Amino acid sequence: RAALPAFLLVALGTAPASAPAPAGTPKDAADVLSRAIANRQELHSYQVPLTITGNVRVSILSVPIAMDGTEYFKAPDKEATHLNNVPSAAKSFSNTINSMGTPQTWEATYDIVLQGTGTHLNHAAYVLIGTPRHPGNVKTVTMWVNAKSYAFEAVSFAYNNGSALNLELS
């Protein structure tokens, strides 16, 4: 992936073990998403610490930031993030993190296509690209889904102003 002009890296702790992946090659984005959602069915709740570092585009400047917090999940589709020490330049990203939805809600929010496969963390991953169904600040969302386990590994939000938010799930 090419470096983005401004980016945040969110490192979430390791989630509980995943269910075995379904057999066969997925035919489209809806198939990849349904397999990824099925993969999370055994997951009832978690809370993990997170750290966010990077740069936020403010006018023509790129401002470095650092934050920490906690990510919470409760089945079937509730996710929340509590961020500490949010710099003023990153306030808008704080709202994005809390409103980005879950894999269960993304198909209703974005028109998603399967772009193909790519390498992520040294192994194969399906690359999904989503375009918002309603205009806003987000230009596109790119998702990397592990080709074996169907676990979400990363989600990147590209913004119309050139900023980006990259979440690495580990």
Foldseek 3Di string as FASTA:
>chain_A
DDDFPKEKEKEWDAADDWDFFDDDDDDKPVRLLVRLLVRCVVPAKDKTKIKIWIWADDPNDTHTDIKIWMWIDGPPWDIAIDIPPQDPSCPVVNVCVGPVTGSVCVVVFWVKIFPAWDADPRAIWTWIKTAGPDDDFFGIKIWTAHRGSSHTAKIKTAGPVRHIYIYGYD
